[in-house]
Amino acid sequence: MAEIQIKQVSKSFGKVVALHSIDLTIADQEFVVLLGASGCGKTTLLRIIAGLETATSGEVHIGGKRIDHLPPKDRGIAMVFQNYAVFPHLTVYENIAFGLRMAKLNQSEVDRRVNRTASMMHIEQLLQRYSGQLSGGQRQRVAVARALATEPEVILMDEPLSNLDALLRMEMRAELKGILAESNTTTVYVTHDQVEAMSMADRIAVMHGGDIVQAATPVEVYRNPAAHFVASFIGNPPMNFVPAKKIKDGLWSVAGAQISGPSSTKNELQFAIRPEDLTPKENGLLKAKVALVEPLGSHLLVSCNIENNLFRVILDSDSSISSGDILSLQPMEDRVRWFDPETELAV
């Protein structure tokens, strides 16, 4: 069992607080992605789990055993870094075997593990090459194979695909998810790329300003963001927001339209909806003036203006529309979300 329990972990660098009392439980064999913008604390948290940073306070447990006082080599973990860290003077075989030799395994076991992980990563034909003879994608495969060869309870990954080109990154995402599921390891993966997070994770922990704002499945994070930050960070393009004023309990004025909403003691909320959840309709509730039309192949991304608020809509690519037109839009009722502008939390 390799359940990870992070209990009230905080980290300060002088007067700068990088993490505020983080609590997170990662189930055995779960793939959890720490997602957030640069500086949110995700890599710091990963390094604390790895033992490369020391927490200011709090505890880290793996498999029910407290490990934050142990050196990295005794934590039962492996780590894949952003910059590959492949040894240039060693062959691919020796790179993968490095951790196994440090553990003083016999040669037959080293051979078995190297060949197994090289086969998993589709680099078995490269075992006698040196890193200078490899592409970026092949080096990344070597780094992952080296981590998996030690058969760790936990594997930590710090933006391992960020140095790859877009097409290779897409291929590696699909392969990596399957390989890690097959290896039965618990995975903590750090990225700022929401596509990586949405496509790979069992659960996403969205971080902002040293806090975990929401930890849930990719679909839950996308459909039911817990805070304004999550709604504005997840999605490409992100959610639209329009101020809403209370008419009476359960009825709100949004850009002049009357829309049913939550009961609240507040007089103002934020109406929010994703660009794909709006349908052009002759008597639609929302009127938006088109500012820009961007053809993106499979669809049109239309940037509009509603009461001086940027409002984006995704339409079919064969829609006939141009700048200056007035769009009449009907929001899908079950996809509307509401946020408190003061707390920035979902209502």
Protein backbone atom coordinates (compact mmCIF):
# COMPACT_ATOMS: atom_id res chain seq x y z
CA MET A 1 0.00 0.00 0.00
CA ALA A 2 1.36 3.43 -0.94
CA GLU A 3 -1.29 5.89 0.20
CA ILE A 4 0.20 9.35 0.64
CA GLN A 5 -1.06 11.55 3.47
CA ILE A 6 0.01 15.19 3.55
CA LYS A 7 -0.97 16.69 6.90
CA GLN A 8 -0.91 20.45 7.51
CA VAL A 9 2.28 20.93 5.51
CA SER A 10 3.48 24.51 5.28
CA LYS A 11 6.66 25.99 3.85
CA SER A 12 8.17 29.45 4.22
CA PHE A 13 11.25 30.93 2.59
CA GLY A 14 12.04 33.75 4.96
CA LYS A 15 9.03 36.07 4.87
CA VAL A 16 7.63 34.41 1.76
CA VAL A 17 5.01 31.73 2.50
CA ALA A 18 5.05 29.16 -0.31
CA LEU A 19 2.55 26.71 1.21
CA HIS A 20 -0.25 27.31 3.69
CA SER A 21 -1.11 24.24 5.80
CA ILE A 22 -1.73 21.77 2.96
CA ASP A 23 -3.90 18.72 3.66
CA LEU A 24 -4.21 16.09 0.92
CA THR A 25 -4.68 12.32 0.83
CA ILE A 26 -3.65 10.41 -2.30
CA ALA A 27 -5.00 6.87 -2.50
CA ASP A 28 -2.87 3.83 -3.27
CA GLN A 29 -2.22 3.60 -7.05
CA GLU A 30 -4.02 6.90 -7.67
CA PHE A 31 -2.73 9.36 -10.29
CA VAL A 32 -3.00 12.86 -8.83
CA VAL A 33 -1.97 15.99 -10.71
CA LEU A 34 -0.93 19.16 -8.89
CA LEU A 35 -2.08 21.87 -11.29
CA GLY A 36 -1.52 25.60 -11.10
CA ALA A 37 0.28 28.62 -12.48
CA SER A 38 3.96 29.30 -11.85
CA GLY A 39 4.65 30.21 -8.24
CA CYS A 40 1.57 28.51 -6.76
CA GLY A 41 3.63 26.05 -4.68
CA LYS A 42 3.07 22.81 -6.61
CA THR A 43 6.75 21.98 -7.18
CA THR A 44 7.60 22.94 -3.60
CA LEU A 45 4.99 20.46 -2.35
CA LEU A 46 6.36 17.75 -4.66
CA ARG A 47 9.91 18.38 -3.44
CA ILE A 48 8.75 18.11 0.18
CA ILE A 49 7.25 14.69 -0.56
CA ALA A 50 10.52 13.71 -2.27
CA GLY A 51 12.69 14.98 0.57
CA LEU A 52 14.46 17.60 -1.53
CA GLU A 53 12.85 20.35 0.60
CA THR A 54 12.07 20.36 4.30
CA ALA A 55 8.62 21.48 5.38
CA THR A 56 8.43 24.33 7.87
CA SER A 57 5.67 22.38 9.64
CA GLY A 58 3.44 19.39 9.04
CA GLU A 59 3.88 15.70 8.27
CA VAL A 60 4.10 13.43 5.22
CA HIS A 61 3.10 9.75 5.46
CA ILE A 62 3.46 7.02 2.83
CA GLY A 63 1.76 3.68 3.43
CA GLY A 64 0.90 4.70 6.98
CA LYS A 65 4.55 5.44 7.83
CA ARG A 66 5.81 8.95 8.53
CA ILE A 67 8.63 9.67 6.09
CA ASP A 68 9.31 13.43 6.24
CA HIS A 69 12.29 12.83 8.58
CA LEU A 70 13.85 10.23 6.25
CA PRO A 71 16.43 10.92 3.51
CA PRO A 72 15.09 10.67 -0.06
CA LYS A 73 16.71 7.27 -0.69
CA ASP A 74 14.74 5.69 2.16
CA ARG A 75 11.29 6.97 1.16
CA GLY A 76 10.44 4.33 -1.44
CA ILE A 77 10.00 6.93 -4.16
CA ALA A 78 11.37 7.72 -7.61
CA MET A 79 11.37 11.11 -9.30
CA VAL A 80 11.33 12.24 -12.92
CA PHE A 81 12.59 15.79 -13.46
CA GLN A 82 11.69 18.36 -16.08
CA ASN A 83 15.20 18.39 -17.59
CA TYR A 84 15.53 14.58 -18.02
CA ALA A 85 18.76 14.31 -15.94
CA VAL A 86 20.03 11.47 -18.15
CA PHE A 87 23.73 10.69 -17.59
CA PRO A 88 25.58 11.49 -20.85
CA HIS A 89 28.54 9.15 -20.16
CA LEU A 90 26.33 6.07 -19.68
CA THR A 91 24.44 4.02 -22.23
CA VAL A 92 20.65 3.84 -22.09
CA TYR A 93 21.00 0.42 -20.43
CA GLU A 94 23.30 1.78 -17.72
CA ASN A 95 21.10 4.84 -17.20
CA ILE A 96 18.09 2.63 -16.52
CA ALA A 97 20.20 0.28 -14.38
CA PHE A 98 21.73 3.09 -12.30
CA GLY A 99 19.30 2.91 -9.36
CA LEU A 100 19.35 -0.88 -9.43
CA ARG A 101 23.14 -0.95 -9.14
CA MET A 102 22.97 1.50 -6.25
CA ALA A 103 20.60 -0.98 -4.57
CA LYS A 104 23.21 -3.72 -5.26
CA LEU A 105 20.83 -6.06 -7.07
CA ASN A 106 22.34 -9.07 -8.83
CA GLN A 107 22.97 -8.88 -12.57
CA SER A 108 20.14 -11.20 -13.58
CA GLU A 109 17.62 -9.03 -11.71
CA VAL A 110 19.13 -5.86 -13.22
CA ASP A 111 18.78 -7.39 -16.70
CA ARG A 112 15.19 -8.40 -16.05
CA ARG A 113 14.10 -4.98 -14.80
CA VAL A 114 15.98 -2.99 -17.43
CA ASN A 115 14.56 -5.07 -20.27
CA ARG A 116 11.03 -4.97 -18.82
CA THR A 117 10.94 -1.19 -18.36
CA ALA A 118 12.70 -0.52 -21.68
CA SER A 119 10.03 -2.64 -23.37
CA MET A 120 7.26 -0.74 -21.56
CA MET A 121 8.71 2.56 -22.80
CA HIS A 122 9.40 1.21 -26.33
CA ILE A 123 13.15 1.93 -26.16
CA GLU A 124 14.48 -1.66 -26.07
CA GLN A 125 16.27 -1.07 -29.40
CA LEU A 126 18.16 1.92 -27.92
CA LEU A 127 19.80 0.21 -24.93
CA GLN A 128 23.36 0.48 -26.28
CA ARG A 129 23.12 4.13 -27.34
CA TYR A 130 24.35 7.17 -25.41
CA SER A 131 22.14 10.15 -24.57
CA GLY A 132 23.82 12.31 -27.24
CA GLN A 133 22.41 9.93 -29.84
CA LEU A 134 18.83 10.30 -28.56
CA SER A 135 16.03 12.75 -29.32
CA GLY A 136 14.33 14.71 -26.55
CA GLY A 137 11.41 12.31 -26.49
CA GLN A 138 13.72 9.30 -26.24
CA ARG A 139 15.65 10.89 -23.36
CA GLN A 140 12.38 11.47 -21.53
CA ARG A 141 11.47 7.81 -22.03
CA VAL A 142 14.84 6.81 -20.56
CA ALA A 143 14.23 9.01 -17.51
CA VAL A 144 10.81 7.44 -16.93
CA ALA A 145 12.18 3.92 -17.47
CA ARG A 146 14.95 4.56 -14.93
CA ALA A 147 12.37 5.65 -12.36
CA LEU A 148 10.08 2.66 -13.03
CA ALA A 149 12.94 0.13 -12.97
CA THR A 150 13.38 0.57 -9.22
CA GLU A 151 9.72 -0.51 -8.78
CA PRO A 152 8.96 2.39 -6.41
CA GLU A 153 5.84 2.64 -4.29
CA VAL A 154 5.51 6.27 -5.35
CA ILE A 155 6.65 8.07 -8.49
CA LEU A 156 6.90 11.87 -8.54
CA MET A 157 6.95 13.77 -11.84
CA ASP A 158 7.83 17.45 -12.17
CA GLU A 159 6.55 18.72 -15.56
CA PRO A 160 8.23 15.82 -17.39
CA LEU A 161 6.71 16.59 -20.81
CA SER A 162 7.16 20.35 -20.92
CA ASN A 163 10.34 20.19 -23.03
CA LEU A 164 8.71 18.10 -25.77
CA ASP A 165 7.04 19.41 -28.91
CA ALA A 166 3.24 19.44 -29.05
CA LEU A 167 2.71 16.24 -31.07
CA LEU A 168 5.19 14.20 -29.05
CA ARG A 169 3.70 15.54 -25.83
CA MET A 170 0.27 14.29 -26.89
CA GLU A 171 1.66 10.83 -27.71
CA MET A 172 3.57 10.62 -24.42
CA ARG A 173 0.50 11.63 -22.40
CA ALA A 174 -1.47 8.67 -23.67
CA GLU A 175 1.42 6.22 -23.25
CA LEU A 176 2.44 7.44 -19.83
CA LYS A 177 -1.03 7.09 -18.35
CA GLY A 178 -1.26 3.48 -19.47
CA ILE A 179 2.27 2.60 -18.35
CA LEU A 180 1.80 4.05 -14.87
CA ALA A 181 -1.52 2.23 -14.48
CA GLU A 182 0.22 -1.02 -15.46
CA SER A 183 3.04 -0.43 -12.96
CA ASN A 184 0.56 -0.17 -10.03
CA THR A 185 2.38 2.82 -8.57
CA THR A 186 1.00 5.89 -6.84
CA THR A 187 1.78 8.94 -8.97
CA VAL A 188 2.00 12.63 -8.14
CA TYR A 189 2.43 14.71 -11.28
CA VAL A 190 3.12 18.46 -11.39
CA THR A 191 2.12 20.58 -14.38
CA HIS A 192 0.80 23.99 -15.39
CA ASP A 193 -0.75 22.45 -18.53
CA GLN A 194 -4.47 21.89 -17.96
CA VAL A 195 -4.73 19.56 -20.98
CA GLU A 196 -2.17 17.22 -19.39
CA ALA A 197 -4.05 17.38 -16.10
CA MET A 198 -7.49 16.77 -17.60
CA SER A 199 -6.37 13.91 -19.85
CA MET A 200 -4.15 12.01 -17.39
CA ALA A 201 -5.36 12.50 -13.82
CA ASP A 202 -7.64 10.39 -11.68
CA ARG A 203 -7.90 13.52 -9.56
CA ILE A 204 -6.67 17.10 -9.96
CA ALA A 205 -5.55 19.27 -7.04
CA VAL A 206 -5.77 22.86 -8.29
CA MET A 207 -3.30 25.10 -6.44
CA HIS A 208 -3.28 28.87 -6.11
CA GLY A 209 -1.21 31.07 -3.83
CA GLY A 210 0.11 28.18 -1.75
CA ASP A 211 -3.30 26.59 -1.15
CA ILE A 212 -5.23 23.72 -2.71
CA VAL A 213 -8.37 25.42 -3.98
CA GLN A 214 -10.11 22.26 -5.18
CA ALA A 215 -9.25 18.55 -5.36
CA ALA A 216 -11.64 16.50 -7.48
CA THR A 217 -11.96 14.45 -10.66
CA PRO A 218 -11.20 16.25 -13.95
CA VAL A 219 -14.89 16.31 -14.91
CA GLU A 220 -15.92 17.70 -11.52
CA VAL A 221 -13.25 20.41 -11.62
CA TYR A 222 -14.35 21.40 -15.12
CA ARG A 223 -18.11 21.28 -14.61
CA ASN A 224 -18.36 22.41 -10.98
CA PRO A 225 -15.42 24.67 -10.13
CA ALA A 226 -15.32 25.43 -6.42
CA ALA A 227 -13.92 28.94 -6.84
CA HIS A 228 -13.62 31.77 -9.35
CA PHE A 229 -9.92 30.96 -9.81
CA VAL A 230 -10.63 27.37 -10.83
CA ALA A 231 -13.33 28.46 -13.30
CA SER A 232 -11.01 31.06 -14.83
CA PHE A 233 -7.95 28.75 -14.95
CA ILE A 234 -9.52 25.52 -16.22
CA GLY A 235 -10.87 25.55 -19.76
CA ASN A 236 -9.58 26.97 -23.01
CA PRO A 237 -11.12 29.48 -23.23
CA PRO A 238 -12.14 29.76 -19.55
CA MET A 239 -15.58 30.44 -18.13
CA ASN A 240 -17.41 33.67 -18.88
CA PHE A 241 -18.40 35.93 -15.97
CA VAL A 242 -21.11 38.59 -15.93
CA PRO A 243 -22.27 40.57 -12.84
CA ALA A 244 -25.77 39.63 -11.64
CA LYS A 245 -28.05 41.79 -9.48
CA LYS A 246 -30.76 40.40 -7.29
CA ILE A 247 -34.35 41.11 -8.35
CA LYS A 248 -35.91 38.89 -5.72
CA ASP A 249 -35.02 35.65 -4.01
CA GLY A 250 -34.10 33.15 -6.73
CA LEU A 251 -34.32 35.66 -9.62
CA TRP A 252 -31.37 37.66 -10.95
CA SER A 253 -30.77 40.36 -13.54
CA VAL A 254 -27.90 39.46 -15.88
CA ALA A 255 -27.15 42.02 -18.61
CA GLY A 256 -30.80 43.06 -18.55
CA ALA A 257 -32.15 39.50 -18.72
CA GLN A 258 -34.04 37.85 -15.89
CA ILE A 259 -32.46 34.50 -15.03
CA SER A 260 -33.43 32.05 -12.30
CA GLY A 261 -30.61 31.46 -9.85
CA PRO A 262 -29.75 30.53 -6.29
CA SER A 263 -31.38 31.85 -3.15
CA SER A 264 -28.89 34.18 -1.47
CA THR A 265 -28.73 36.96 1.08
CA LYS A 266 -26.28 38.77 -1.26
CA ASN A 267 -27.54 41.47 -3.60
CA GLU A 268 -24.84 40.76 -6.20
CA LEU A 269 -23.39 37.53 -7.57
CA GLN A 270 -21.44 36.53 -10.66
CA PHE A 271 -23.21 34.59 -13.40
CA ALA A 272 -20.79 32.14 -15.04
CA ILE A 273 -21.03 29.82 -18.02
CA ARG A 274 -18.58 28.09 -20.35
CA PRO A 275 -18.34 29.25 -23.99
CA GLU A 276 -19.55 25.91 -25.37
CA ASP A 277 -22.69 25.95 -23.20
CA LEU A 278 -24.39 28.78 -25.09
CA THR A 279 -26.72 28.26 -28.05
CA PRO A 280 -27.60 30.92 -30.66
CA LYS A 281 -31.36 31.38 -30.50
CA GLU A 282 -33.67 34.03 -31.90
CA ASN A 283 -35.19 34.79 -28.49
CA GLY A 284 -32.09 33.98 -26.41
CA LEU A 285 -31.80 35.66 -23.01
CA LEU A 286 -28.36 37.24 -23.54
CA LYS A 287 -27.49 39.78 -26.22
CA ALA A 288 -23.81 40.04 -27.11
CA LYS A 289 -22.04 42.25 -29.63
CA VAL A 290 -19.43 40.39 -31.67
CA ALA A 291 -15.94 41.92 -31.44
CA LEU A 292 -13.76 39.22 -33.03
CA VAL A 293 -14.27 35.93 -34.87
CA GLU A 294 -11.44 33.35 -34.83
CA PRO A 295 -11.83 30.32 -37.13
CA LEU A 296 -10.18 27.35 -35.40
CA GLY A 297 -11.01 24.56 -37.83
CA SER A 298 -13.52 22.48 -35.88
CA HIS A 299 -15.26 25.57 -34.48
CA LEU A 300 -15.37 29.35 -34.33
CA LEU A 301 -14.21 31.15 -31.21
CA VAL A 302 -16.27 34.32 -31.03
CA SER A 303 -15.24 37.10 -28.63
CA CYS A 304 -18.15 39.33 -27.68
CA ASN A 305 -18.96 42.24 -25.41
CA ILE A 306 -21.70 42.12 -22.79
CA GLU A 307 -21.92 45.27 -20.65
CA ASN A 308 -18.16 45.86 -21.10
CA ASN A 309 -17.36 42.27 -20.08
CA LEU A 310 -15.41 39.99 -22.42
CA PHE A 311 -17.71 37.10 -23.28
CA ARG A 312 -16.59 34.18 -25.46
CA VAL A 313 -18.80 31.78 -27.40
CA ILE A 314 -17.92 28.62 -29.32
CA LEU A 315 -20.00 28.16 -32.48
CA ASP A 316 -20.04 25.68 -35.38
CA SER A 317 -17.36 26.40 -37.95
CA ASP A 318 -19.97 26.94 -40.67
CA SER A 319 -21.76 29.68 -38.70
CA SER A 320 -22.14 32.90 -40.67
CA ILE A 321 -21.11 35.70 -38.33
CA SER A 322 -18.84 38.74 -38.39
CA SER A 323 -17.63 41.60 -36.20
CA GLY A 324 -20.37 44.03 -35.18
CA ASP A 325 -23.19 41.46 -35.30
CA ILE A 326 -25.48 41.04 -32.31
CA LEU A 327 -25.71 37.48 -31.05
CA SER A 328 -28.79 36.27 -29.21
CA LEU A 329 -27.64 33.50 -26.89
CA GLN A 330 -29.49 30.98 -24.74
CA PRO A 331 -27.49 29.52 -21.82
CA MET A 332 -27.96 25.84 -21.00
CA GLU A 333 -29.72 26.02 -17.63
CA ASP A 334 -27.95 23.05 -16.06
CA ARG A 335 -24.52 24.45 -17.01
CA VAL A 336 -24.88 27.87 -15.35
CA ARG A 337 -22.75 28.44 -12.24
CA TRP A 338 -22.82 31.26 -9.70
CA PHE A 339 -20.01 32.80 -7.66
CA ASP A 340 -19.86 35.19 -4.71
CA PRO A 341 -17.76 38.21 -5.86
CA GLU A 342 -16.53 38.82 -2.28
CA THR A 343 -15.37 35.33 -1.30
CA GLU A 344 -14.85 34.22 -4.95
CA LEU A 345 -16.34 30.85 -3.96
CA ALA A 346 -19.10 28.97 -5.77
CA VAL A 347 -22.61 29.55 -4.46
